N, C-alpha and C. Protein backbone atom coordinates (compact mmCIF):
# COMPACT_ATOMS: atom_id res chain seq x y z
N MET A 1 101.36 122.82 -17.09
CA MET A 1 101.26 123.85 -16.40
C MET A 1 102.35 123.84 -15.30
N LYS A 2 103.27 124.80 -14.82
CA LYS A 2 104.30 125.01 -14.14
C LYS A 2 103.64 126.19 -12.99
N VAL A 3 103.88 125.20 -11.83
CA VAL A 3 103.29 125.56 -10.72
C VAL A 3 104.22 125.92 -9.33
N ALA A 4 104.37 126.98 -8.80
CA ALA A 4 105.26 127.00 -7.58
C ALA A 4 104.15 127.36 -6.37
N ILE A 5 104.30 126.75 -5.09
CA ILE A 5 103.88 126.92 -3.75
C ILE A 5 104.99 127.37 -2.87
N ILE A 6 104.66 128.60 -2.57
CA ILE A 6 105.50 129.50 -1.45
C ILE A 6 105.13 128.87 0.16
N GLY A 7 105.66 128.32 0.75
CA GLY A 7 105.05 127.85 2.19
C GLY A 7 104.07 126.50 1.98
N ALA A 8 104.99 125.49 1.25
CA ALA A 8 104.34 124.24 0.73
C ALA A 8 104.46 123.30 1.96
N THR A 9 104.83 123.49 3.00
CA THR A 9 104.95 122.83 4.10
C THR A 9 103.95 123.47 5.19
N GLY A 10 103.44 124.31 5.01
CA GLY A 10 102.66 124.69 5.98
C GLY A 10 101.15 124.03 6.00
N ASN A 11 100.01 124.64 7.07
CA ASN A 11 98.77 123.75 6.85
C ASN A 11 98.36 123.81 5.79
N ALA A 12 97.88 125.04 5.15
CA ALA A 12 97.34 125.63 3.90
C ALA A 12 98.10 125.03 2.98
N GLY A 13 99.59 125.13 2.77
CA GLY A 13 100.15 124.94 1.73
C GLY A 13 100.47 123.51 1.46
N SER A 14 100.20 122.60 2.46
CA SER A 14 100.74 121.22 2.46
C SER A 14 99.65 120.64 1.64
N HIS A 15 98.23 121.21 2.07
CA HIS A 15 96.98 120.48 1.35
C HIS A 15 96.80 120.93 -0.31
N LEU A 16 97.39 122.27 -0.70
CA LEU A 16 97.60 122.80 -1.81
C LEU A 16 98.42 121.99 -2.43
N LEU A 17 99.42 121.42 -2.35
CA LEU A 17 100.51 120.72 -2.80
C LEU A 17 100.16 119.44 -3.13
N LYS A 18 99.29 118.69 -2.04
CA LYS A 18 98.80 117.57 -2.75
C LYS A 18 97.50 117.51 -3.51
N GLU A 19 97.28 118.60 -3.37
CA GLU A 19 95.65 118.91 -4.44
C GLU A 19 96.58 119.00 -5.63
N ALA A 20 97.35 119.56 -5.86
CA ALA A 20 98.08 119.97 -7.27
C ALA A 20 98.51 118.96 -7.86
N LEU A 21 99.36 118.19 -6.91
CA LEU A 21 100.26 116.71 -7.27
C LEU A 21 98.85 115.85 -7.93
N ASN A 22 97.73 115.78 -7.36
CA ASN A 22 96.61 114.86 -7.48
C ASN A 22 96.22 115.18 -8.77
N ARG A 23 96.40 116.57 -9.30
CA ARG A 23 95.79 116.88 -10.60
C ARG A 23 96.82 116.89 -11.72
N ASP A 24 98.03 116.10 -11.14
CA ASP A 24 98.77 116.15 -12.30
C ASP A 24 99.54 117.38 -12.72
N LEU A 25 99.80 118.56 -11.62
CA LEU A 25 100.65 119.77 -11.93
C LEU A 25 102.08 119.73 -11.79
N ALA A 26 102.82 120.18 -12.91
CA ALA A 26 104.18 120.11 -12.64
C ALA A 26 104.42 121.21 -11.56
N VAL A 27 104.76 120.87 -10.27
CA VAL A 27 104.54 121.65 -8.80
C VAL A 27 105.80 121.60 -8.28
N THR A 28 106.42 122.63 -8.13
CA THR A 28 107.85 123.15 -7.14
C THR A 28 107.22 123.57 -6.05
N ALA A 29 108.12 123.07 -4.64
CA ALA A 29 107.38 123.53 -3.55
C ALA A 29 108.47 124.62 -3.27
N ILE A 30 108.44 125.83 -3.01
CA ILE A 30 109.74 126.62 -2.14
C ILE A 30 109.28 126.96 -0.88
N VAL A 31 110.35 126.32 -0.25
CA VAL A 31 110.53 126.12 1.13
C VAL A 31 111.95 126.59 1.44
N ARG A 32 111.83 126.65 3.25
CA ARG A 32 113.15 126.87 3.59
C ARG A 32 113.82 125.71 4.39
N HIS A 33 112.97 124.64 4.98
CA HIS A 33 113.01 123.37 5.27
C HIS A 33 112.45 122.13 4.44
N PRO A 34 113.32 121.92 3.49
CA PRO A 34 112.48 120.77 2.62
C PRO A 34 112.37 119.29 3.46
N GLU A 35 113.23 119.36 4.62
CA GLU A 35 112.93 118.11 5.07
C GLU A 35 111.49 118.02 5.75
N LYS A 36 110.94 118.81 5.85
CA LYS A 36 109.31 119.12 6.41
C LYS A 36 108.87 118.56 5.27
N LEU A 37 109.07 118.53 3.94
CA LEU A 37 108.18 118.13 3.07
C LEU A 37 107.65 116.50 3.10
N GLU A 38 106.34 116.00 2.89
CA GLU A 38 105.72 114.74 3.02
C GLU A 38 105.87 114.00 1.71
N VAL A 39 105.99 114.68 0.68
CA VAL A 39 106.23 114.13 -0.55
C VAL A 39 107.54 114.55 -1.30
N LYS A 40 107.56 113.55 -2.43
CA LYS A 40 108.65 113.95 -3.16
C LYS A 40 108.43 114.82 -4.14
N VAL A 41 109.09 116.14 -4.28
CA VAL A 41 108.63 116.90 -5.40
C VAL A 41 109.58 117.85 -5.61
N PRO A 42 109.96 118.48 -7.04
CA PRO A 42 111.10 119.66 -6.96
C PRO A 42 110.91 120.56 -6.20
N ILE A 43 112.18 120.97 -5.42
CA ILE A 43 111.97 122.21 -4.80
C ILE A 43 112.97 123.13 -5.06
N LEU A 44 112.63 124.32 -4.17
CA LEU A 44 113.14 125.65 -4.21
C LEU A 44 113.85 126.16 -3.11
N VAL A 45 114.64 125.98 -2.51
CA VAL A 45 115.20 126.16 -1.23
C VAL A 45 115.55 127.37 -0.90
N LYS A 46 114.69 128.38 -0.28
CA LYS A 46 115.10 129.89 -0.73
C LYS A 46 114.22 130.55 0.47
N ASP A 47 114.34 131.56 1.08
CA ASP A 47 113.62 132.22 1.65
C ASP A 47 112.77 133.22 0.71
N LEU A 48 111.53 133.40 1.16
CA LEU A 48 110.84 134.34 0.53
C LEU A 48 111.62 135.80 0.31
N PHE A 49 111.86 136.27 1.13
CA PHE A 49 112.57 137.43 0.74
C PHE A 49 113.62 137.38 -0.05
N GLU A 50 114.18 136.10 -0.65
CA GLU A 50 115.64 136.49 -1.10
C GLU A 50 115.26 135.47 -2.58
N LEU A 51 113.67 135.71 -3.00
CA LEU A 51 113.40 135.19 -4.32
C LEU A 51 113.75 136.19 -5.19
N THR A 52 113.77 136.16 -6.28
CA THR A 52 113.95 136.90 -7.22
C THR A 52 113.07 136.61 -8.45
N THR A 53 112.99 137.59 -9.71
CA THR A 53 112.08 137.79 -10.68
C THR A 53 112.23 136.75 -11.71
N GLN A 54 113.68 136.26 -11.59
CA GLN A 54 114.25 134.90 -12.44
C GLN A 54 113.52 133.90 -11.99
N ASP A 55 113.60 133.86 -10.60
CA ASP A 55 112.80 132.67 -9.95
C ASP A 55 111.40 132.03 -9.97
N LEU A 56 110.74 133.10 -10.36
CA LEU A 56 109.06 133.14 -9.99
C LEU A 56 108.94 133.12 -11.53
N THR A 57 109.25 133.85 -12.48
CA THR A 57 108.49 134.14 -13.65
C THR A 57 108.98 132.85 -14.51
N TYR A 58 109.68 131.95 -14.43
CA TYR A 58 109.51 130.73 -14.70
C TYR A 58 108.45 129.87 -14.74
N PHE A 59 107.38 130.08 -13.70
CA PHE A 59 106.24 129.14 -13.42
C PHE A 59 104.96 130.10 -14.08
N ASP A 60 104.09 129.34 -14.77
CA ASP A 60 102.75 129.87 -14.71
C ASP A 60 102.08 130.71 -13.67
N VAL A 61 101.93 129.74 -12.57
CA VAL A 61 101.64 130.39 -11.34
C VAL A 61 102.07 130.40 -10.34
N VAL A 62 102.42 131.06 -9.47
CA VAL A 62 102.94 131.25 -8.10
C VAL A 62 101.71 131.20 -7.11
N ILE A 63 101.39 130.24 -6.08
CA ILE A 63 100.45 130.40 -4.90
C ILE A 63 101.54 130.65 -3.83
N ASP A 64 100.71 131.77 -3.53
CA ASP A 64 101.39 132.06 -2.04
C ASP A 64 100.59 131.71 -0.62
N ALA A 65 101.54 130.85 -0.13
CA ALA A 65 100.85 130.34 1.43
C ALA A 65 101.52 130.74 2.63
N PHE A 66 102.27 131.48 2.19
CA PHE A 66 103.46 132.04 3.25
C PHE A 66 102.50 132.36 4.49
N ARG A 67 103.05 131.91 5.54
CA ARG A 67 102.41 132.22 6.98
C ARG A 67 103.65 132.74 8.21
N PRO A 68 103.64 134.03 8.27
CA PRO A 68 104.68 134.32 9.25
C PRO A 68 104.26 133.82 10.67
N PRO A 69 105.59 133.67 11.44
CA PRO A 69 105.84 133.34 12.68
C PRO A 69 105.01 134.23 13.57
N VAL A 70 104.28 133.69 15.03
CA VAL A 70 103.65 134.65 15.96
C VAL A 70 105.00 136.15 16.19
N GLY A 71 103.94 136.75 16.43
CA GLY A 71 104.78 137.94 16.73
C GLY A 71 105.53 138.90 15.43
N LYS A 72 105.24 138.23 14.47
CA LYS A 72 106.02 139.04 13.00
C LYS A 72 104.97 138.79 11.73
N GLU A 73 103.62 139.16 12.23
CA GLU A 73 102.30 139.13 11.50
C GLU A 73 102.57 140.33 10.58
N PHE A 74 103.43 141.52 10.79
CA PHE A 74 103.62 142.40 9.71
C PHE A 74 104.00 141.90 8.71
N LEU A 75 105.02 140.49 8.72
CA LEU A 75 105.34 140.04 7.32
C LEU A 75 104.39 139.98 6.11
N HIS A 76 103.20 139.58 6.72
CA HIS A 76 102.08 139.45 5.83
C HIS A 76 102.37 140.61 4.73
N GLN A 77 102.43 141.70 5.44
CA GLN A 77 102.55 142.82 4.33
C GLN A 77 103.63 142.91 3.61
N THR A 78 104.56 142.84 3.91
CA THR A 78 106.06 142.96 3.48
C THR A 78 106.42 141.89 2.52
N SER A 79 106.16 140.72 2.74
CA SER A 79 106.09 139.15 2.02
C SER A 79 105.56 139.61 0.60
N LEU A 80 103.99 140.18 0.69
CA LEU A 80 103.03 140.24 -0.45
C LEU A 80 103.67 141.33 -1.09
N ARG A 81 104.26 142.38 -0.55
CA ARG A 81 104.59 143.51 -1.22
C ARG A 81 105.93 142.98 -2.14
N HIS A 82 106.80 142.06 -1.53
CA HIS A 82 108.07 141.91 -2.01
C HIS A 82 107.58 140.69 -3.44
N LEU A 83 106.48 140.06 -3.28
CA LEU A 83 105.88 138.86 -4.55
C LEU A 83 105.43 139.69 -5.17
N THR A 84 104.77 140.80 -5.20
CA THR A 84 104.06 141.78 -6.24
C THR A 84 105.10 142.51 -7.02
N ASP A 85 106.00 142.97 -6.00
CA ASP A 85 106.78 143.57 -7.02
C ASP A 85 107.97 142.53 -8.11
N LEU A 86 107.88 141.45 -7.15
CA LEU A 86 108.85 140.49 -8.59
C LEU A 86 108.02 140.55 -9.68
N LEU A 87 106.72 140.18 -9.42
CA LEU A 87 105.93 139.67 -10.63
C LEU A 87 105.33 140.74 -11.47
N LYS A 88 105.42 141.82 -11.24
CA LYS A 88 104.89 143.02 -12.03
C LYS A 88 105.15 142.89 -13.30
N GLY A 89 104.17 143.32 -14.40
CA GLY A 89 104.83 143.21 -15.46
C GLY A 89 104.82 141.77 -16.31
N SER A 90 105.18 140.63 -15.54
CA SER A 90 105.58 139.48 -16.09
C SER A 90 103.85 138.53 -16.45
N GLN A 91 104.03 137.40 -17.06
CA GLN A 91 103.02 136.59 -17.50
C GLN A 91 102.70 135.57 -16.36
N THR A 92 103.19 135.59 -15.39
CA THR A 92 102.93 134.88 -14.24
C THR A 92 101.74 135.50 -13.40
N ARG A 93 100.81 134.34 -12.90
CA ARG A 93 99.42 134.30 -12.17
C ARG A 93 100.12 134.57 -10.79
N LEU A 94 99.81 135.34 -9.90
CA LEU A 94 99.72 135.33 -8.29
C LEU A 94 98.56 135.05 -7.60
N LEU A 95 98.19 133.90 -7.25
CA LEU A 95 97.15 133.46 -6.49
C LEU A 95 97.56 133.58 -4.93
N VAL A 96 96.84 134.46 -4.03
CA VAL A 96 97.34 134.32 -2.61
C VAL A 96 96.19 133.67 -1.69
N VAL A 97 96.72 132.81 -0.84
CA VAL A 97 96.03 132.50 0.19
C VAL A 97 95.36 133.40 1.24
N GLY A 98 94.51 133.74 1.09
CA GLY A 98 93.84 134.92 1.85
C GLY A 98 93.32 134.93 3.49
N GLY A 99 92.82 135.81 3.89
CA GLY A 99 92.03 135.76 5.34
C GLY A 99 90.76 136.11 5.04
N THR A 100 90.19 136.03 6.22
CA THR A 100 88.53 136.09 6.12
C THR A 100 88.49 137.70 6.66
N SER A 101 89.49 138.45 7.30
CA SER A 101 89.24 139.69 7.33
C SER A 101 88.64 140.87 6.43
N SER A 102 89.42 140.29 4.99
CA SER A 102 88.73 141.21 4.19
C SER A 102 87.42 141.03 3.65
N LEU A 103 86.36 140.08 4.01
CA LEU A 103 85.58 139.88 3.64
C LEU A 103 84.39 140.37 4.28
N PHE A 104 83.31 141.16 3.43
CA PHE A 104 82.35 142.09 3.93
C PHE A 104 81.43 141.06 4.39
N VAL A 105 80.58 142.01 5.78
CA VAL A 105 79.85 141.12 6.48
C VAL A 105 78.49 141.98 6.06
N ASP A 106 78.60 143.15 5.80
CA ASP A 106 77.24 143.81 5.23
C ASP A 106 77.48 145.06 4.59
N GLU A 107 77.27 145.95 3.46
CA GLU A 107 77.71 147.03 2.73
C GLU A 107 78.58 147.84 3.39
N GLU A 108 78.72 147.81 4.68
CA GLU A 108 79.52 149.28 5.08
C GLU A 108 80.80 148.46 5.89
N HIS A 109 80.78 147.19 6.19
CA HIS A 109 81.53 146.48 6.90
C HIS A 109 82.17 145.35 6.67
N ARG A 110 83.51 145.30 6.73
CA ARG A 110 84.11 143.92 6.56
C ARG A 110 84.53 143.28 8.04
N MET A 111 84.87 142.09 8.05
CA MET A 111 85.14 141.43 9.10
C MET A 111 86.11 142.10 10.06
N ILE A 112 87.13 142.68 9.31
CA ILE A 112 88.22 143.50 9.87
C ILE A 112 87.62 144.34 11.15
N ASP A 113 86.56 145.36 10.47
CA ASP A 113 85.48 146.26 11.27
C ASP A 113 85.26 146.08 12.62
N LEU A 114 84.85 144.56 12.57
CA LEU A 114 84.02 143.96 13.76
C LEU A 114 85.03 143.05 14.77
N SER A 115 86.04 143.24 14.17
CA SER A 115 87.19 142.26 15.11
C SER A 115 87.81 142.85 16.21
N ASP A 116 88.11 142.43 17.33
CA ASP A 116 88.60 142.94 18.66
C ASP A 116 90.06 143.23 18.62
N PRO A 117 90.55 144.35 18.60
CA PRO A 117 91.90 144.71 18.75
C PRO A 117 92.75 144.01 19.90
N ASN A 118 92.11 143.47 20.88
CA ASN A 118 92.71 142.77 21.74
C ASN A 118 92.74 141.36 21.47
N ALA A 119 92.12 140.66 20.43
CA ALA A 119 91.88 139.44 20.29
C ALA A 119 93.27 138.53 20.15
N VAL A 120 93.61 137.40 20.18
CA VAL A 120 94.58 136.88 19.69
C VAL A 120 95.20 136.98 18.19
N TYR A 121 93.90 136.82 17.62
CA TYR A 121 94.10 136.64 15.92
C TYR A 121 94.08 138.02 15.14
N TYR A 122 94.09 139.20 16.06
CA TYR A 122 93.88 140.34 15.25
C TYR A 122 94.93 140.79 14.58
N PRO A 123 96.47 140.67 15.06
CA PRO A 123 97.53 140.82 14.46
C PRO A 123 97.56 140.22 13.01
N THR A 124 97.08 138.65 12.76
CA THR A 124 97.22 138.36 11.74
C THR A 124 96.00 138.95 10.83
N ALA A 125 94.93 139.61 11.50
CA ALA A 125 93.78 139.50 10.28
C ALA A 125 94.01 141.12 9.88
N TYR A 126 94.66 141.89 10.91
CA TYR A 126 94.96 143.14 10.42
C TYR A 126 95.92 143.48 9.11
N ASN A 127 96.69 142.49 9.28
CA ASN A 127 98.06 142.27 8.39
C ASN A 127 97.67 142.03 7.04
N MET A 128 97.00 140.91 7.43
CA MET A 128 96.63 140.14 6.17
C MET A 128 95.69 141.03 5.15
N TYR A 129 94.82 142.26 5.89
CA TYR A 129 93.49 142.93 5.38
C TYR A 129 94.50 144.10 4.73
N GLN A 130 95.71 144.52 5.36
CA GLN A 130 96.51 145.85 4.88
C GLN A 130 97.15 145.28 3.76
N ALA A 131 97.43 144.04 3.89
CA ALA A 131 98.14 143.43 2.57
C ALA A 131 97.38 143.33 1.30
N PHE A 132 96.26 142.72 1.61
CA PHE A 132 95.03 142.74 0.31
C PHE A 132 94.80 143.96 -0.23
N LEU A 133 94.60 145.15 0.69
CA LEU A 133 94.45 146.46 0.19
C LEU A 133 95.26 146.87 -0.63
N GLU A 134 96.58 146.64 -0.50
CA GLU A 134 97.80 147.12 -1.35
C GLU A 134 98.00 145.98 -2.86
N LEU A 135 97.64 144.83 -2.66
CA LEU A 135 97.44 144.13 -3.64
C LEU A 135 96.48 144.46 -4.56
N LYS A 136 95.14 144.82 -4.25
CA LYS A 136 94.00 144.94 -5.09
C LYS A 136 94.36 146.19 -5.83
N GLU A 137 95.13 147.13 -5.35
CA GLU A 137 95.56 148.36 -6.21
C GLU A 137 96.59 147.88 -7.35
N GLN A 138 97.11 146.75 -7.55
CA GLN A 138 97.95 146.66 -8.56
C GLN A 138 97.18 146.36 -10.10
N GLN A 139 98.23 147.48 -11.00
CA GLN A 139 97.34 147.30 -12.01
C GLN A 139 97.86 146.23 -13.05
N ASP A 140 99.57 146.37 -13.03
CA ASP A 140 100.24 145.49 -14.09
C ASP A 140 100.46 144.03 -13.25
N LEU A 141 99.66 143.64 -12.92
CA LEU A 141 99.89 142.20 -12.13
C LEU A 141 98.85 141.42 -12.21
N ASP A 142 98.87 139.91 -12.46
CA ASP A 142 97.38 139.13 -12.92
C ASP A 142 97.21 138.66 -11.58
N TRP A 143 96.36 138.82 -10.49
CA TRP A 143 96.59 138.62 -9.30
C TRP A 143 94.82 138.02 -8.77
N THR A 144 94.98 136.88 -8.00
CA THR A 144 93.66 136.36 -7.16
C THR A 144 93.83 136.36 -5.70
N TYR A 145 92.76 136.52 -5.19
CA TYR A 145 92.82 136.46 -3.48
C TYR A 145 92.02 135.71 -3.32
N LEU A 146 92.18 134.52 -2.53
CA LEU A 146 90.98 133.76 -2.51
C LEU A 146 90.80 133.50 -0.72
N SER A 147 89.72 134.03 -0.43
CA SER A 147 89.60 133.96 1.34
C SER A 147 88.65 132.63 1.52
N PRO A 148 89.13 132.06 2.64
CA PRO A 148 88.46 130.89 3.03
C PRO A 148 87.12 131.18 3.94
N ALA A 149 86.15 130.24 4.38
CA ALA A 149 85.38 131.00 5.14
C ALA A 149 86.16 130.96 6.78
N ALA A 150 84.98 131.77 7.81
CA ALA A 150 85.32 131.86 9.01
C ALA A 150 86.03 131.23 9.64
N ASN A 151 85.80 129.78 9.32
CA ASN A 151 86.04 128.55 10.27
C ASN A 151 86.94 127.94 9.05
N PHE A 152 88.24 128.10 9.53
CA PHE A 152 89.07 127.16 8.45
C PHE A 152 89.92 126.15 8.71
N ILE A 153 89.03 124.77 8.24
CA ILE A 153 89.38 123.74 9.45
C ILE A 153 90.50 123.07 8.71
N PRO A 154 91.74 122.45 9.68
CA PRO A 154 93.18 122.00 9.04
C PRO A 154 92.68 120.52 8.73
N ASP A 155 92.05 119.78 9.82
CA ASP A 155 91.92 118.29 9.70
C ASP A 155 90.55 118.13 8.80
N GLY A 156 89.97 118.92 8.11
CA GLY A 156 88.20 118.58 7.41
C GLY A 156 88.63 117.68 6.69
N GLU A 157 87.95 116.83 6.03
CA GLU A 157 87.85 116.09 4.93
C GLU A 157 87.60 116.85 3.74
N ARG A 158 88.23 116.13 2.78
CA ARG A 158 88.29 116.50 1.47
C ARG A 158 86.65 115.91 0.79
N THR A 159 85.98 116.91 0.50
CA THR A 159 84.66 116.29 0.03
C THR A 159 84.81 116.58 -1.96
N GLY A 160 85.20 117.51 -2.09
CA GLY A 160 85.64 118.07 -3.59
C GLY A 160 84.45 118.65 -3.88
N GLN A 161 83.76 119.51 -2.63
CA GLN A 161 82.48 120.16 -2.99
C GLN A 161 82.65 121.18 -2.49
N TYR A 162 82.28 122.68 -2.75
CA TYR A 162 82.52 123.74 -2.16
C TYR A 162 81.45 124.82 -3.14
N GLN A 163 81.30 125.87 -2.15
CA GLN A 163 80.20 127.17 -2.69
C GLN A 163 81.14 128.35 -2.49
N VAL A 164 81.23 128.89 -3.85
CA VAL A 164 81.81 130.12 -4.24
C VAL A 164 80.82 131.55 -3.82
N SER A 165 81.35 132.39 -3.28
CA SER A 165 80.91 133.68 -2.94
C SER A 165 81.94 135.04 -3.57
N ASP A 166 81.41 135.84 -3.25
CA ASP A 166 82.39 136.89 -3.80
C ASP A 166 82.84 137.49 -2.83
N GLU A 167 82.85 139.04 -2.33
CA GLU A 167 83.82 139.53 -1.04
C GLU A 167 82.96 139.38 0.26
N TYR A 168 81.69 138.37 0.20
CA TYR A 168 80.81 138.87 1.06
C TYR A 168 81.12 137.29 2.04
N LEU A 169 81.26 137.38 3.21
CA LEU A 169 81.18 136.17 4.34
C LEU A 169 79.59 135.56 4.04
N ARG A 170 80.09 134.06 3.48
CA ARG A 170 78.44 133.33 3.16
C ARG A 170 78.52 132.27 4.17
N LYS A 171 77.35 131.84 4.71
CA LYS A 171 76.66 130.81 5.83
C LYS A 171 76.13 129.81 4.81
N ASN A 172 76.46 128.36 5.28
CA ASN A 172 75.58 127.41 4.65
C ASN A 172 74.37 127.44 5.46
N ALA A 173 73.36 126.44 4.98
CA ALA A 173 72.06 126.28 5.47
C ALA A 173 71.96 126.00 6.64
N ALA A 174 73.01 125.56 7.32
CA ALA A 174 73.16 125.35 8.98
C ALA A 174 73.45 126.69 9.74
N GLY A 175 73.83 127.84 9.07
CA GLY A 175 74.17 128.90 9.61
C GLY A 175 75.62 128.89 10.00
N LYS A 176 76.46 128.13 9.19
CA LYS A 176 77.68 128.35 9.52
C LYS A 176 78.62 128.40 8.09
N SER A 177 79.65 129.14 8.90
CA SER A 177 80.72 129.80 7.99
C SER A 177 81.86 128.95 7.99
N GLU A 178 82.19 128.16 6.85
CA GLU A 178 83.14 126.98 7.59
C GLU A 178 83.78 126.34 5.97
N ILE A 179 84.91 125.90 5.91
CA ILE A 179 85.33 125.35 4.95
C ILE A 179 86.81 124.46 5.24
N SER A 180 87.20 123.16 4.77
CA SER A 180 87.86 122.51 5.08
C SER A 180 89.35 122.94 4.52
N MET A 181 90.44 123.15 4.94
CA MET A 181 91.54 123.56 4.14
C MET A 181 91.58 122.48 2.88
N ALA A 182 91.23 121.05 3.11
CA ALA A 182 91.17 120.17 1.66
C ALA A 182 90.66 120.47 0.70
N ASP A 183 89.39 121.32 0.96
CA ASP A 183 88.32 121.55 0.00
C ASP A 183 88.66 123.07 -0.40
N TYR A 184 89.24 123.57 0.33
CA TYR A 184 89.71 125.38 -0.04
C TYR A 184 90.77 124.76 -1.08
N ALA A 185 91.58 123.75 -0.73
CA ALA A 185 92.92 123.53 -1.70
C ALA A 185 92.03 123.17 -3.36
N VAL A 186 91.20 122.48 -3.17
CA VAL A 186 90.08 122.23 -4.23
C VAL A 186 90.20 123.34 -4.85
N ALA A 187 89.47 124.02 -4.66
CA ALA A 187 88.71 125.59 -4.84
C ALA A 187 90.08 126.48 -5.60
N MET A 188 91.14 126.25 -5.08
CA MET A 188 92.20 126.97 -5.37
C MET A 188 92.99 126.60 -6.48
N ILE A 189 93.25 124.89 -6.62
CA ILE A 189 93.49 124.49 -7.71
C ILE A 189 92.60 124.56 -8.95
N ASP A 190 91.55 124.48 -8.57
CA ASP A 190 90.30 124.93 -9.76
C ASP A 190 90.62 126.34 -10.43
N GLU A 191 90.97 127.30 -9.56
CA GLU A 191 91.14 128.45 -9.91
C GLU A 191 92.79 128.48 -10.82
N VAL A 192 93.29 127.63 -10.67
CA VAL A 192 94.77 127.60 -11.05
C VAL A 192 94.72 126.81 -12.79
N ILE A 193 93.74 126.08 -12.64
CA ILE A 193 93.37 125.05 -13.79
C ILE A 193 92.46 125.85 -15.05
N THR A 194 91.34 126.26 -14.23
CA THR A 194 90.48 127.26 -14.98
C THR A 194 90.08 128.55 -14.30
N PRO A 195 90.88 129.42 -14.76
CA PRO A 195 90.64 130.80 -14.18
C PRO A 195 89.43 131.64 -14.66
N LYS A 196 88.87 131.98 -13.33
CA LYS A 196 87.83 132.53 -13.35
C LYS A 196 87.69 133.94 -12.67
N HIS A 197 88.77 134.13 -11.63
CA HIS A 197 88.57 135.27 -11.06
C HIS A 197 90.09 135.81 -10.83
N GLU A 198 90.34 136.55 -12.54
CA GLU A 198 91.59 137.22 -12.74
C GLU A 198 91.61 138.58 -12.03
N LYS A 199 92.21 139.12 -11.24
CA LYS A 199 92.30 140.17 -10.53
C LYS A 199 91.24 140.51 -9.76
N GLU A 200 90.29 139.19 -8.99
CA GLU A 200 89.35 139.54 -8.02
C GLU A 200 89.68 138.88 -7.02
N HIS A 201 88.82 139.31 -5.56
CA HIS A 201 88.95 138.59 -4.54
C HIS A 201 87.81 138.13 -4.45
N PHE A 202 87.78 136.77 -3.85
CA PHE A 202 86.52 135.92 -3.90
C PHE A 202 86.73 134.69 -2.74
N SER A 203 85.66 134.17 -2.20
CA SER A 203 85.96 133.22 -1.23
C SER A 203 85.04 132.13 -1.34
N VAL A 204 85.60 130.79 -0.70
CA VAL A 204 84.71 129.58 -0.75
C VAL A 204 83.95 129.02 0.84
N TYR A 205 82.99 128.47 0.53
CA TYR A 205 82.67 127.64 1.95
C TYR A 205 81.83 126.68 1.54
N HIS A 206 81.38 125.78 2.84
CA HIS A 206 80.99 124.40 2.57
C HIS A 206 79.26 124.87 2.50
């Protein structure tokens, strides 16, 4: 299986790359700064917005782990729109590293509805949510949007264990909503290998 990871040098992207390699997948890292890669893999040095349909439809799966710089959070929307346009009508699956803002906390409210517009995280939460709304309306695209728990832990251990939820924010027995990036990567690569959530939004937590 041929897998491309966009943003493979980022926090989530680097965990996804490591996990995919551990599963013996044929992985290509799509990056702008290959010198930041900590492992040796095939690379495509290209800006996301310069990618073409020909670049991506070679792959069975494209994982979008792109994260815009601070102050340009609107790129969450334009980048996902660009990838969607490239992959429409193709056989290539698009898996997206999603946000928590799109998860429901009750039957009427998502996390974004309860977020403080003045909070530092709000531009990211808002733009990721808007990008998600566009994605889920796509009919001619095989997509999956995977949201992490509320506490997305960069340096947490890889246990290989996680719990699956639908579009609702869930908490564990200790009342915590959390997942390590390493175990989030396990869940994402599980979905790559054995698709269970095609054209669906789901979430994972410990």
